[in-house]
Amino acid sequence: GVSLLLIEHQMDMISRLCDHVVVMAEGRRLVEGTFAEL
């Protein structure tokens, strides 16, 4: 029941763990979706 927002540079970790991914660039949200989509 604990929710998580996770910053990580290891993409294998992101792909294994995250249900949803938000991409930031230049101080704002760029795009979001599943890791496979991104």
Full PDB file with SEQRES, HELIX, SHEET, SSBOND, CRYST1, ORIGX, SCALE, CONECT and MASTER records, all heavy atoms in Angstrom:
SEQRES   1 A   38  GLY VAL SER LEU LEU LEU ILE GLU HIS GLN MET ASP MET          
SEQRES   2 A   38  ILE SER ARG LEU CYS ASP HIS VAL VAL VAL MET ALA GLU          
SEQRES   3 A   38  GLY ARG ARG LEU VAL GLU GLY THR PHE ALA GLU LEU              
HELIX    1 AA1 MET A   11  LEU A   17  1                                   7    
SHEET    1 AA1 2 VAL A  21  ALA A  25  0                                        
SHEET    2 AA1 2 ARG A  28  GLY A  33 -1                                        
CRYST1    1.000    1.000    1.000  90.00  90.00  90.00 P 1           1          
ORIGX1      1.000000  0.000000  0.000000        0.00000                         
ORIGX2      0.000000  1.000000  0.000000        0.00000                         
ORIGX3      0.000000  0.000000  1.000000        0.00000                         
SCALE1      1.000000  0.000000  0.000000        0.00000                         
SCALE2      0.000000  1.000000  0.000000        0.00000                         
SCALE3      0.000000  0.000000  1.000000        0.00000                         
ATOM      1  N   GLY A   1       0.766  -1.237   0.000  1.00  0.00           N  
ATOM      2  CA  GLY A   1       0.000   0.000   0.000  1.00  0.00           C  
ATOM      3  C   GLY A   1       0.793   1.282   0.000  1.00  0.00           C  
ATOM      4  O   GLY A   1       0.209   2.373   0.067  1.00  0.00           O  
ATOM      5  N   VAL A   2       2.135   1.198  -0.071  1.00  0.00           N  
ATOM      6  CA  VAL A   2       2.965   2.402  -0.135  1.00  0.00           C  
ATOM      7  C   VAL A   2       3.242   2.718  -1.600  1.00  0.00           C  
ATOM      8  O   VAL A   2       3.676   1.851  -2.348  1.00  0.00           O  
ATOM      9  CB  VAL A   2       4.301   2.213   0.619  1.00  0.00           C  
ATOM     10  CG1 VAL A   2       5.150   3.481   0.520  1.00  0.00           C  
ATOM     11  CG2 VAL A   2       4.047   1.855   2.070  1.00  0.00           C  
ATOM     12  N   SER A   3       2.993   3.949  -2.023  1.00  0.00           N  
ATOM     13  CA  SER A   3       3.262   4.360  -3.399  1.00  0.00           C  
ATOM     14  C   SER A   3       4.662   4.942  -3.496  1.00  0.00           C  
ATOM     15  O   SER A   3       5.193   5.475  -2.521  1.00  0.00           O  
ATOM     16  CB  SER A   3       2.225   5.389  -3.847  1.00  0.00           C  
ATOM     17  OG  SER A   3       0.910   4.868  -3.725  1.00  0.00           O  
ATOM     18  N   LEU A   4       5.257   4.850  -4.697  1.00  0.00           N  
ATOM     19  CA  LEU A   4       6.642   5.290  -4.883  1.00  0.00           C  
ATOM     20  C   LEU A   4       6.769   6.148  -6.129  1.00  0.00           C  
ATOM     21  O   LEU A   4       6.172   5.848  -7.169  1.00  0.00           O  
ATOM     22  CB  LEU A   4       7.575   4.079  -5.024  1.00  0.00           C  
ATOM     23  CG  LEU A   4       7.558   3.020  -3.909  1.00  0.00           C  
ATOM     24  CD1 LEU A   4       8.465   1.858  -4.299  1.00  0.00           C  
ATOM     25  CD2 LEU A   4       7.989   3.623  -2.583  1.00  0.00           C  
ATOM     26  N   LEU A   5       7.557   7.225  -5.996  1.00  0.00           N  
ATOM     27  CA  LEU A   5       8.004   8.021  -7.141  1.00  0.00           C  
ATOM     28  C   LEU A   5       9.519   7.920  -7.148  1.00  0.00           C  
ATOM     29  O   LEU A   5      10.179   8.305  -6.180  1.00  0.00           O  
ATOM     30  CB  LEU A   5       7.543   9.468  -7.023  1.00  0.00           C  
ATOM     31  CG  LEU A   5       8.001  10.422  -8.140  1.00  0.00           C  
ATOM     32  CD1 LEU A   5       7.494   9.947  -9.505  1.00  0.00           C  
ATOM     33  CD2 LEU A   5       7.519  11.849  -7.872  1.00  0.00           C  
ATOM     34  N   LEU A   6      10.073   7.411  -8.229  1.00  0.00           N  
ATOM     35  CA  LEU A   6      11.455   6.931  -8.245  1.00  0.00           C  
ATOM     36  C   LEU A   6      12.274   7.626  -9.328  1.00  0.00           C  
ATOM     37  O   LEU A   6      11.922   7.566 -10.503  1.00  0.00           O  
ATOM     38  CB  LEU A   6      11.427   5.414  -8.489  1.00  0.00           C  
ATOM     39  CG  LEU A   6      12.699   4.684  -8.874  1.00  0.00           C  
ATOM     40  CD1 LEU A   6      13.622   4.600  -7.672  1.00  0.00           C  
ATOM     41  CD2 LEU A   6      12.373   3.283  -9.368  1.00  0.00           C  
ATOM     42  N   ILE A   7      13.349   8.315  -8.928  1.00  0.00           N  
ATOM     43  CA  ILE A   7      14.351   8.792  -9.871  1.00  0.00           C  
ATOM     44  C   ILE A   7      15.429   7.717  -9.991  1.00  0.00           C  
ATOM     45  O   ILE A   7      15.950   7.237  -8.987  1.00  0.00           O  
ATOM     46  CB  ILE A   7      15.016  10.101  -9.393  1.00  0.00           C  
ATOM     47  CG1 ILE A   7      14.016  11.253  -9.361  1.00  0.00           C  
ATOM     48  CG2 ILE A   7      16.188  10.474 -10.299  1.00  0.00           C  
ATOM     49  CD1 ILE A   7      14.594  12.528  -8.767  1.00  0.00           C  
ATOM     50  N   GLU A   8      15.746   7.343 -11.214  1.00  0.00           N  
ATOM     51  CA  GLU A   8      16.793   6.343 -11.397  1.00  0.00           C  
ATOM     52  C   GLU A   8      17.361   6.467 -12.803  1.00  0.00           C  
ATOM     53  O   GLU A   8      16.621   6.696 -13.768  1.00  0.00           O  
ATOM     54  CB  GLU A   8      16.231   4.929 -11.176  1.00  0.00           C  
ATOM     55  CG  GLU A   8      17.269   3.834 -11.186  1.00  0.00           C  
ATOM     56  CD  GLU A   8      18.433   4.123 -10.249  1.00  0.00           C  
ATOM     57  OE1 GLU A   8      18.227   4.185  -9.032  1.00  0.00           O  
ATOM     58  OE2 GLU A   8      19.556   4.303 -10.767  1.00  0.00           O  
ATOM     59  N   HIS A   9      18.699   6.325 -12.924  1.00  0.00           N  
ATOM     60  CA  HIS A   9      19.351   6.384 -14.222  1.00  0.00           C  
ATOM     61  C   HIS A   9      19.604   4.998 -14.801  1.00  0.00           C  
ATOM     62  O   HIS A   9      19.973   4.893 -15.982  1.00  0.00           O  
ATOM     63  CB  HIS A   9      20.669   7.153 -14.117  1.00  0.00           C  
ATOM     64  CG  HIS A   9      20.483   8.628 -13.958  1.00  0.00           C  
ATOM     65  ND1 HIS A   9      20.023   9.438 -14.969  1.00  0.00           N  
ATOM     66  CD2 HIS A   9      20.673   9.448 -12.895  1.00  0.00           C  
ATOM     67  CE1 HIS A   9      19.945  10.683 -14.550  1.00  0.00           C  
ATOM     68  NE2 HIS A   9      20.331  10.718 -13.294  1.00  0.00           N  
ATOM     69  N   GLN A  10      19.436   3.948 -14.000  1.00  0.00           N  
ATOM     70  CA  GLN A  10      19.623   2.591 -14.507  1.00  0.00           C  
ATOM     71  C   GLN A  10      18.317   2.145 -15.161  1.00  0.00           C  
ATOM     72  O   GLN A  10      17.331   1.812 -14.494  1.00  0.00           O  
ATOM     73  CB  GLN A  10      20.017   1.648 -13.376  1.00  0.00           C  
ATOM     74  CG  GLN A  10      21.375   1.961 -12.769  1.00  0.00           C  
ATOM     75  CD  GLN A  10      21.858   0.887 -11.822  1.00  0.00           C  
ATOM     76  OE1 GLN A  10      21.477  -0.279 -11.936  1.00  0.00           O  
ATOM     77  NE2 GLN A  10      22.722   1.263 -10.884  1.00  0.00           N  
ATOM     78  N   MET A  11      18.316   2.119 -16.485  1.00  0.00           N  
ATOM     79  CA  MET A  11      17.085   1.856 -17.218  1.00  0.00           C  
ATOM     80  C   MET A  11      16.569   0.431 -17.028  1.00  0.00           C  
ATOM     81  O   MET A  11      15.368   0.189 -17.131  1.00  0.00           O  
ATOM     82  CB  MET A  11      17.283   2.138 -18.708  1.00  0.00           C  
ATOM     83  CG  MET A  11      17.484   3.617 -19.033  1.00  0.00           C  
ATOM     84  SD  MET A  11      16.062   4.652 -18.596  1.00  0.00           S  
ATOM     85  CE  MET A  11      16.689   5.483 -17.110  1.00  0.00           C  
ATOM     86  N   ASP A  12      17.469  -0.506 -16.741  1.00  0.00           N  
ATOM     87  CA  ASP A  12      16.970  -1.862 -16.489  1.00  0.00           C  
ATOM     88  C   ASP A  12      16.139  -1.899 -15.220  1.00  0.00           C  
ATOM     89  O   ASP A  12      15.134  -2.622 -15.137  1.00  0.00           O  
ATOM     90  CB  ASP A  12      18.123  -2.865 -16.411  1.00  0.00           C  
ATOM     91  CG  ASP A  12      19.139  -2.526 -15.329  1.00  0.00           C  
ATOM     92  OD1 ASP A  12      19.244  -1.330 -14.968  1.00  0.00           O  
ATOM     93  OD2 ASP A  12      19.811  -3.449 -14.826  1.00  0.00           O  
ATOM     94  N   MET A  13      16.522  -1.108 -14.224  1.00  0.00           N  
ATOM     95  CA  MET A  13      15.754  -0.995 -12.986  1.00  0.00           C  
ATOM     96  C   MET A  13      14.386  -0.364 -13.266  1.00  0.00           C  
ATOM     97  O   MET A  13      13.348  -0.832 -12.780  1.00  0.00           O  
ATOM     98  CB  MET A  13      16.535  -0.144 -11.985  1.00  0.00           C  
ATOM     99  CG  MET A  13      15.877   0.040 -10.634  1.00  0.00           C  
ATOM    100  SD  MET A  13      16.237  -1.330  -9.551  1.00  0.00           S  
ATOM    101  CE  MET A  13      15.759  -0.631  -7.965  1.00  0.00           C  
ATOM    102  N   ILE A  14      14.364   0.697 -14.056  1.00  0.00           N  
ATOM    103  CA  ILE A  14      13.109   1.354 -14.412  1.00  0.00           C  
ATOM    104  C   ILE A  14      12.199   0.388 -15.158  1.00  0.00           C  
ATOM    105  O   ILE A  14      10.994   0.291 -14.876  1.00  0.00           O  
ATOM    106  CB  ILE A  14      13.389   2.604 -15.269  1.00  0.00           C  
ATOM    107  CG1 ILE A  14      14.097   3.683 -14.436  1.00  0.00           C  
ATOM    108  CG2 ILE A  14      12.096   3.161 -15.864  1.00  0.00           C  
ATOM    109  CD1 ILE A  14      13.240   4.343 -13.389  1.00  0.00           C  
ATOM    110  N   SER A  15      12.755  -0.337 -16.114  1.00  0.00           N  
ATOM    111  CA  SER A  15      11.936  -1.243 -16.925  1.00  0.00           C  
ATOM    112  C   SER A  15      11.350  -2.378 -16.097  1.00  0.00           C  
ATOM    113  O   SER A  15      10.224  -2.816 -16.332  1.00  0.00           O  
ATOM    114  CB  SER A  15      12.759  -1.803 -18.089  1.00  0.00           C  
ATOM    115  OG  SER A  15      13.814  -2.630 -17.622  1.00  0.00           O  
ATOM    116  N   ARG A  16      12.119  -2.870 -15.111  1.00  0.00           N  
ATOM    117  CA  ARG A  16      11.638  -3.985 -14.289  1.00  0.00           C  
ATOM    118  C   ARG A  16      10.592  -3.549 -13.268  1.00  0.00           C  
ATOM    119  O   ARG A  16       9.630  -4.264 -13.002  1.00  0.00           O  
ATOM    120  CB  ARG A  16      12.807  -4.644 -13.537  1.00  0.00           C  
ATOM    121  CG  ARG A  16      13.747  -5.439 -14.396  1.00  0.00           C  
ATOM    122  CD  ARG A  16      14.570  -6.405 -13.539  1.00  0.00           C  
ATOM    123  NE  ARG A  16      15.122  -5.781 -12.364  1.00  0.00           N  
ATOM    124  CZ  ARG A  16      16.326  -5.201 -12.310  1.00  0.00           C  
ATOM    125  NH1 ARG A  16      17.075  -5.166 -13.400  1.00  0.00           N  
ATOM    126  NH2 ARG A  16      16.776  -4.674 -11.192  1.00  0.00           N  
ATOM    127  N   LEU A  17      10.789  -2.356 -12.697  1.00  0.00           N  
ATOM    128  CA  LEU A  17       9.994  -1.978 -11.530  1.00  0.00           C  
ATOM    129  C   LEU A  17       8.790  -1.097 -11.821  1.00  0.00           C  
ATOM    130  O   LEU A  17       7.739  -1.247 -11.183  1.00  0.00           O  
ATOM    131  CB  LEU A  17      10.879  -1.246 -10.514  1.00  0.00           C  
ATOM    132  CG  LEU A  17      11.809  -2.072  -9.651  1.00  0.00           C  
ATOM    133  CD1 LEU A  17      12.556  -1.166  -8.686  1.00  0.00           C  
ATOM    134  CD2 LEU A  17      11.045  -3.129  -8.879  1.00  0.00           C  
ATOM    135  N   CYS A  18       8.923  -0.172 -12.756  1.00  0.00           N  
ATOM    136  CA  CYS A  18       7.955   0.929 -12.832  1.00  0.00           C  
ATOM    137  C   CYS A  18       6.710   0.556 -13.626  1.00  0.00           C  
ATOM    138  O   CYS A  18       6.789   0.005 -14.729  1.00  0.00           O  
ATOM    139  CB  CYS A  18       8.616   2.158 -13.438  1.00  0.00           C  
ATOM    140  SG  CYS A  18       9.924   2.827 -12.394  1.00  0.00           S  
ATOM    141  N   ASP A  19       5.565   0.904 -13.065  1.00  0.00           N  
ATOM    142  CA  ASP A  19       4.291   0.709 -13.750  1.00  0.00           C  
ATOM    143  C   ASP A  19       4.041   1.835 -14.748  1.00  0.00           C  
ATOM    144  O   ASP A  19       3.322   1.656 -15.736  1.00  0.00           O  
ATOM    145  CB  ASP A  19       3.153   0.683 -12.725  1.00  0.00           C  
ATOM    146  CG  ASP A  19       3.405  -0.336 -11.625  1.00  0.00           C  
ATOM    147  OD1 ASP A  19       3.481  -1.530 -11.952  1.00  0.00           O  
ATOM    148  OD2 ASP A  19       3.532   0.058 -10.455  1.00  0.00           O  
ATOM    149  N   HIS A  20       4.599   3.008 -14.459  1.00  0.00           N  
ATOM    150  CA  HIS A  20       4.385   4.191 -15.302  1.00  0.00           C  
ATOM    151  C   HIS A  20       5.653   5.026 -15.210  1.00  0.00           C  
ATOM    152  O   HIS A  20       6.308   5.059 -14.164  1.00  0.00           O  
ATOM    153  CB  HIS A  20       3.181   4.983 -14.789  1.00  0.00           C  
ATOM    154  CG  HIS A  20       2.752   6.099 -15.696  1.00  0.00           C  
ATOM    155  ND1 HIS A  20       2.063   5.867 -16.873  1.00  0.00           N  
ATOM    156  CD2 HIS A  20       2.909   7.448 -15.614  1.00  0.00           C  
ATOM    157  CE1 HIS A  20       1.808   7.025 -17.461  1.00  0.00           C  
ATOM    158  NE2 HIS A  20       2.325   7.992 -16.731  1.00  0.00           N  
ATOM    159  N   VAL A  21       6.009   5.698 -16.300  1.00  0.00           N  
ATOM    160  CA  VAL A  21       7.255   6.459 -16.345  1.00  0.00           C  
ATOM    161  C   VAL A  21       6.982   7.849 -16.907  1.00  0.00           C  
ATOM    162  O   VAL A  21       6.274   8.003 -17.903  1.00  0.00           O  
ATOM    163  CB  VAL A  21       8.328   5.751 -17.206  1.00  0.00           C  
ATOM    164  CG1 VAL A  21       9.629   6.544 -17.194  1.00  0.00           C  
ATOM    165  CG2 VAL A  21       8.570   4.327 -16.710  1.00  0.00           C  
ATOM    166  N   VAL A  22       7.554   8.862 -16.236  1.00  0.00           N  
ATOM    167  CA  VAL A  22       7.481  10.249 -16.688  1.00  0.00           C  
ATOM    168  C   VAL A  22       8.889  10.686 -17.082  1.00  0.00           C  
ATOM    169  O   VAL A  22       9.839  10.483 -16.325  1.00  0.00           O  
ATOM    170  CB  VAL A  22       6.934  11.177 -15.582  1.00  0.00           C  
ATOM    171  CG1 VAL A  22       6.910  12.628 -16.049  1.00  0.00           C  
ATOM    172  CG2 VAL A  22       5.540  10.731 -15.139  1.00  0.00           C  
ATOM    173  N   VAL A  23       9.005  11.285 -18.259  1.00  0.00           N  
ATOM    174  CA  VAL A  23      10.298  11.784 -18.731  1.00  0.00           C  
ATOM    175  C   VAL A  23      10.320  13.298 -18.585  1.00  0.00           C  
ATOM    176  O   VAL A  23       9.397  13.992 -19.028  1.00  0.00           O  
ATOM    177  CB  VAL A  23      10.544  11.408 -20.210  1.00  0.00           C  
ATOM    178  CG1 VAL A  23      11.929  11.895 -20.654  1.00  0.00           C  
ATOM    179  CG2 VAL A  23      10.428   9.913 -20.409  1.00  0.00           C  
ATOM    180  N   MET A  24      11.377  13.820 -17.937  1.00  0.00           N  
ATOM    181  CA  MET A  24      11.582  15.254 -17.842  1.00  0.00           C  
ATOM    182  C   MET A  24      12.755  15.675 -18.720  1.00  0.00           C  
ATOM    183  O   MET A  24      13.717  14.927 -18.896  1.00  0.00           O  
ATOM    184  CB  MET A  24      11.862  15.675 -16.398  1.00  0.00           C  
ATOM    185  CG  MET A  24      10.662  15.645 -15.488  1.00  0.00           C  
ATOM    186  SD  MET A  24      11.042  16.353 -13.842  1.00  0.00           S  
ATOM    187  CE  MET A  24      11.337  18.094 -14.280  1.00  0.00           C  
ATOM    188  N   ALA A  25      12.668  16.884 -19.250  1.00  0.00           N  
ATOM    189  CA  ALA A  25      13.760  17.482 -20.013  1.00  0.00           C  
ATOM    190  C   ALA A  25      13.625  18.990 -19.908  1.00  0.00           C  
ATOM    191  O   ALA A  25      12.523  19.531 -20.028  1.00  0.00           O  
ATOM    192  CB  ALA A  25      13.724  17.039 -21.470  1.00  0.00           C  
ATOM    193  N   GLU A  26      14.735  19.652 -19.642  1.00  0.00           N  
ATOM    194  CA  GLU A  26      14.776  21.112 -19.576  1.00  0.00           C  
ATOM    195  C   GLU A  26      13.745  21.694 -18.618  1.00  0.00           C  
ATOM    196  O   GLU A  26      13.120  22.711 -18.884  1.00  0.00           O  
ATOM    197  CB  GLU A  26      14.608  21.710 -20.976  1.00  0.00           C  
ATOM    198  CG  GLU A  26      15.709  21.294 -21.939  1.00  0.00           C  
ATOM    199  CD  GLU A  26      15.531  21.886 -23.315  1.00  0.00           C  
ATOM    200  OE1 GLU A  26      14.450  22.444 -23.608  1.00  0.00           O  
ATOM    201  OE2 GLU A  26      16.486  21.803 -24.115  1.00  0.00           O  
ATOM    202  N   GLY A  27      13.576  21.004 -17.473  1.00  0.00           N  
ATOM    203  CA  GLY A  27      12.755  21.566 -16.406  1.00  0.00           C  
ATOM    204  C   GLY A  27      11.276  21.363 -16.521  1.00  0.00           C  
ATOM    205  O   GLY A  27      10.500  21.950 -15.749  1.00  0.00           O  
ATOM    206  N   ARG A  28      10.837  20.523 -17.445  1.00  0.00           N  
ATOM    207  CA  ARG A  28       9.394  20.276 -17.579  1.00  0.00           C  
ATOM    208  C   ARG A  28       9.154  18.841 -18.025  1.00  0.00           C  
ATOM    209  O   ARG A  28      10.074  18.147 -18.463  1.00  0.00           O  
ATOM    210  CB  ARG A  28       8.762  21.250 -18.569  1.00  0.00           C  
ATOM    211  CG  ARG A  28       9.367  21.187 -19.963  1.00  0.00           C  
ATOM    212  CD  ARG A  28       8.567  22.023 -20.959  1.00  0.00           C  
ATOM    213  NE  ARG A  28       8.614  23.425 -20.634  1.00  0.00           N  
ATOM    214  CZ  ARG A  28       9.523  24.280 -21.132  1.00  0.00           C  
ATOM    215  NH1 ARG A  28      10.464  23.836 -21.958  1.00  0.00           N  
ATOM    216  NH2 ARG A  28       9.507  25.557 -20.823  1.00  0.00           N  
ATOM    217  N   ARG A  29       7.897  18.407 -17.902  1.00  0.00           N  
ATOM    218  CA  ARG A  29       7.553  17.062 -18.373  1.00  0.00           C  
ATOM    219  C   ARG A  29       7.606  17.032 -19.892  1.00  0.00           C  
ATOM    220  O   ARG A  29       7.035  17.886 -20.564  1.00  0.00           O  
ATOM    221  CB  ARG A  29       6.145  16.698 -17.897  1.00  0.00           C  
ATOM    222  CG  ARG A  29       5.700  15.295 -18.323  1.00  0.00           C  
ATOM    223  CD  ARG A  29       4.236  15.081 -18.029  1.00  0.00           C  
ATOM    224  NE  ARG A  29       3.416  16.045 -18.765  1.00  0.00           N  
ATOM    225  CZ  ARG A  29       2.116  16.221 -18.575  1.00  0.00           C  
ATOM    226  NH1 ARG A  29       1.489  15.539 -17.643  1.00  0.00           N  
ATOM    227  NH2 ARG A  29       1.449  17.104 -19.295  1.00  0.00           N  
ATOM    228  N   LEU A  30       8.280  16.032 -20.416  1.00  0.00           N  
ATOM    229  CA  LEU A  30       8.382  15.863 -21.863  1.00  0.00           C  
ATOM    230  C   LEU A  30       7.293  14.929 -22.379  1.00  0.00           C  
ATOM    231  O   LEU A  30       6.545  15.263 -23.302  1.00  0.00           O  
ATOM    232  CB  LEU A  30       9.770  15.330 -22.220  1.00  0.00           C  
ATOM    233  CG  LEU A  30      10.038  15.041 -23.699  1.00  0.00           C  
ATOM    234  CD1 LEU A  30       9.993  16.338 -24.507  1.00  0.00           C  
ATOM    235  CD2 LEU A  30      11.395  14.361 -23.877  1.00  0.00           C  
ATOM    236  N   VAL A  31       7.205  13.754 -21.788  1.00  0.00           N  
ATOM    237  CA  VAL A  31       6.241  12.752 -22.224  1.00  0.00           C  
ATOM    238  C   VAL A  31       6.125  11.719 -21.115  1.00  0.00           C  
ATOM    239  O   VAL A  31       6.983  11.635 -20.222  1.00  0.00           O  
ATOM    240  CB  VAL A  31       6.704  12.104 -23.561  1.00  0.00           C  
ATOM    241  CG1 VAL A  31       7.979  11.297 -23.349  1.00  0.00           C  
ATOM    242  CG2 VAL A  31       5.612  11.257 -24.190  1.00  0.00           C  
ATOM    243  N   GLU A  32       5.073  10.917 -21.112  1.00  0.00           N  
ATOM    244  CA  GLU A  32       4.927   9.850 -20.116  1.00  0.00           C  
ATOM    245  C   GLU A  32       4.223   8.660 -20.734  1.00  0.00           C  
ATOM    246  O   GLU A  32       3.595   8.755 -21.792  1.00  0.00           O  
ATOM    247  CB  GLU A  32       4.163  10.345 -18.891  1.00  0.00           C  
ATOM    248  CG  GLU A  32       2.762  10.854 -19.146  1.00  0.00           C  
ATOM    249  CD  GLU A  32       2.126  11.404 -17.880  1.00  0.00           C  
ATOM    250  OE1 GLU A  32       1.740  10.586 -17.013  1.00  0.00           O  
ATOM    251  OE2 GLU A  32       2.024  12.642 -17.762  1.00  0.00           O  
ATOM    252  N   GLY A  33       4.356   7.509 -20.084  1.00  0.00           N  
ATOM    253  CA  GLY A  33       3.742   6.282 -20.574  1.00  0.00           C  
ATOM    254  C   GLY A  33       4.435   5.085 -19.962  1.00  0.00           C  
ATOM    255  O   GLY A  33       5.157   5.198 -18.964  1.00  0.00           O  
ATOM    256  N   THR A  34       4.261   3.917 -20.555  1.00  0.00           N  
ATOM    257  CA  THR A  34       4.991   2.741 -20.104  1.00  0.00           C  
ATOM    258  C   THR A  34       6.429   2.824 -20.590  1.00  0.00           C  
ATOM    259  O   THR A  34       6.747   3.566 -21.531  1.00  0.00           O  
ATOM    260  CB  THR A  34       4.355   1.446 -20.627  1.00  0.00           C  
ATOM    261  OG1 THR A  34       4.499   1.411 -22.064  1.00  0.00           O  
ATOM    262  CG2 THR A  34       2.880   1.376 -20.268  1.00  0.00           C  
ATOM    263  N   PHE A  35       7.301   2.052 -19.960  1.00  0.00           N  
ATOM    264  CA  PHE A  35       8.713   2.084 -20.379  1.00  0.00           C  
ATOM    265  C   PHE A  35       8.860   1.641 -21.821  1.00  0.00           C  
ATOM    266  O   PHE A  35       9.639   2.229 -22.579  1.00  0.00           O  
ATOM    267  CB  PHE A  35       9.549   1.190 -19.460  1.00  0.00           C  
ATOM    268  CG  PHE A  35      11.007   1.213 -19.810  1.00  0.00           C  
ATOM    269  CD1 PHE A  35      11.825   2.226 -19.337  1.00  0.00           C  
ATOM    270  CD2 PHE A  35      11.565   0.235 -20.621  1.00  0.00           C  
ATOM    271  CE1 PHE A  35      13.177   2.265 -19.667  1.00  0.00           C  
ATOM    272  CE2 PHE A  35      12.915   0.267 -20.963  1.00  0.00           C  
ATOM    273  CZ  PHE A  35      13.721   1.290 -20.483  1.00  0.00           C  
ATOM    274  N   ALA A  36       8.108   0.628 -22.224  1.00  0.00           N  
ATOM    275  CA  ALA A  36       8.207   0.140 -23.601  1.00  0.00           C  
ATOM    276  C   ALA A  36       7.813   1.226 -24.595  1.00  0.00           C  
ATOM    277  O   ALA A  36       8.448   1.384 -25.646  1.00  0.00           O  
ATOM    278  CB  ALA A  36       7.320  -1.095 -23.780  1.00  0.00           C  
ATOM    279  N   GLU A  37       6.773   1.976 -24.283  1.00  0.00           N  
ATOM    280  CA  GLU A  37       6.352   3.067 -25.169  1.00  0.00           C  
ATOM    281  C   GLU A  37       7.417   4.143 -25.269  1.00  0.00           C  
ATOM    282  O   GLU A  37       7.713   4.654 -26.357  1.00  0.00           O  
ATOM    283  CB  GLU A  37       5.034   3.668 -24.656  1.00  0.00           C  
ATOM    284  CG  GLU A  37       3.835   2.737 -24.752  1.00  0.00           C  
ATOM    285  CD  GLU A  37       2.627   3.255 -23.994  1.00  0.00           C  
ATOM    286  OE1 GLU A  37       2.796   4.179 -23.160  1.00  0.00           O  
ATOM    287  OE2 GLU A  37       1.525   2.731 -24.230  1.00  0.00           O  
ATOM    288  N   LEU A  38       7.999   4.496 -24.129  1.00  0.00           N  
ATOM    289  CA  LEU A  38       8.974   5.585 -24.111  1.00  0.00           C  
ATOM    290  C   LEU A  38      10.281   5.193 -24.795  1.00  0.00           C  
ATOM    291  O   LEU A  38      10.964   6.039 -25.374  1.00  0.00           O  
ATOM    292  CB  LEU A  38       9.239   6.022 -22.677  1.00  0.00           C  
ATOM    293  CG  LEU A  38       8.019   6.578 -21.932  1.00  0.00           C  
ATOM    294  CD1 LEU A  38       8.391   6.929 -20.500  1.00  0.00           C  
ATOM    295  CD2 LEU A  38       7.448   7.790 -22.638  1.00  0.00           C  
TER     296      LEU A  38                                                      
MASTER        0    0    0    1    2    0    0    6  295    1    0    3          
END                                                                             
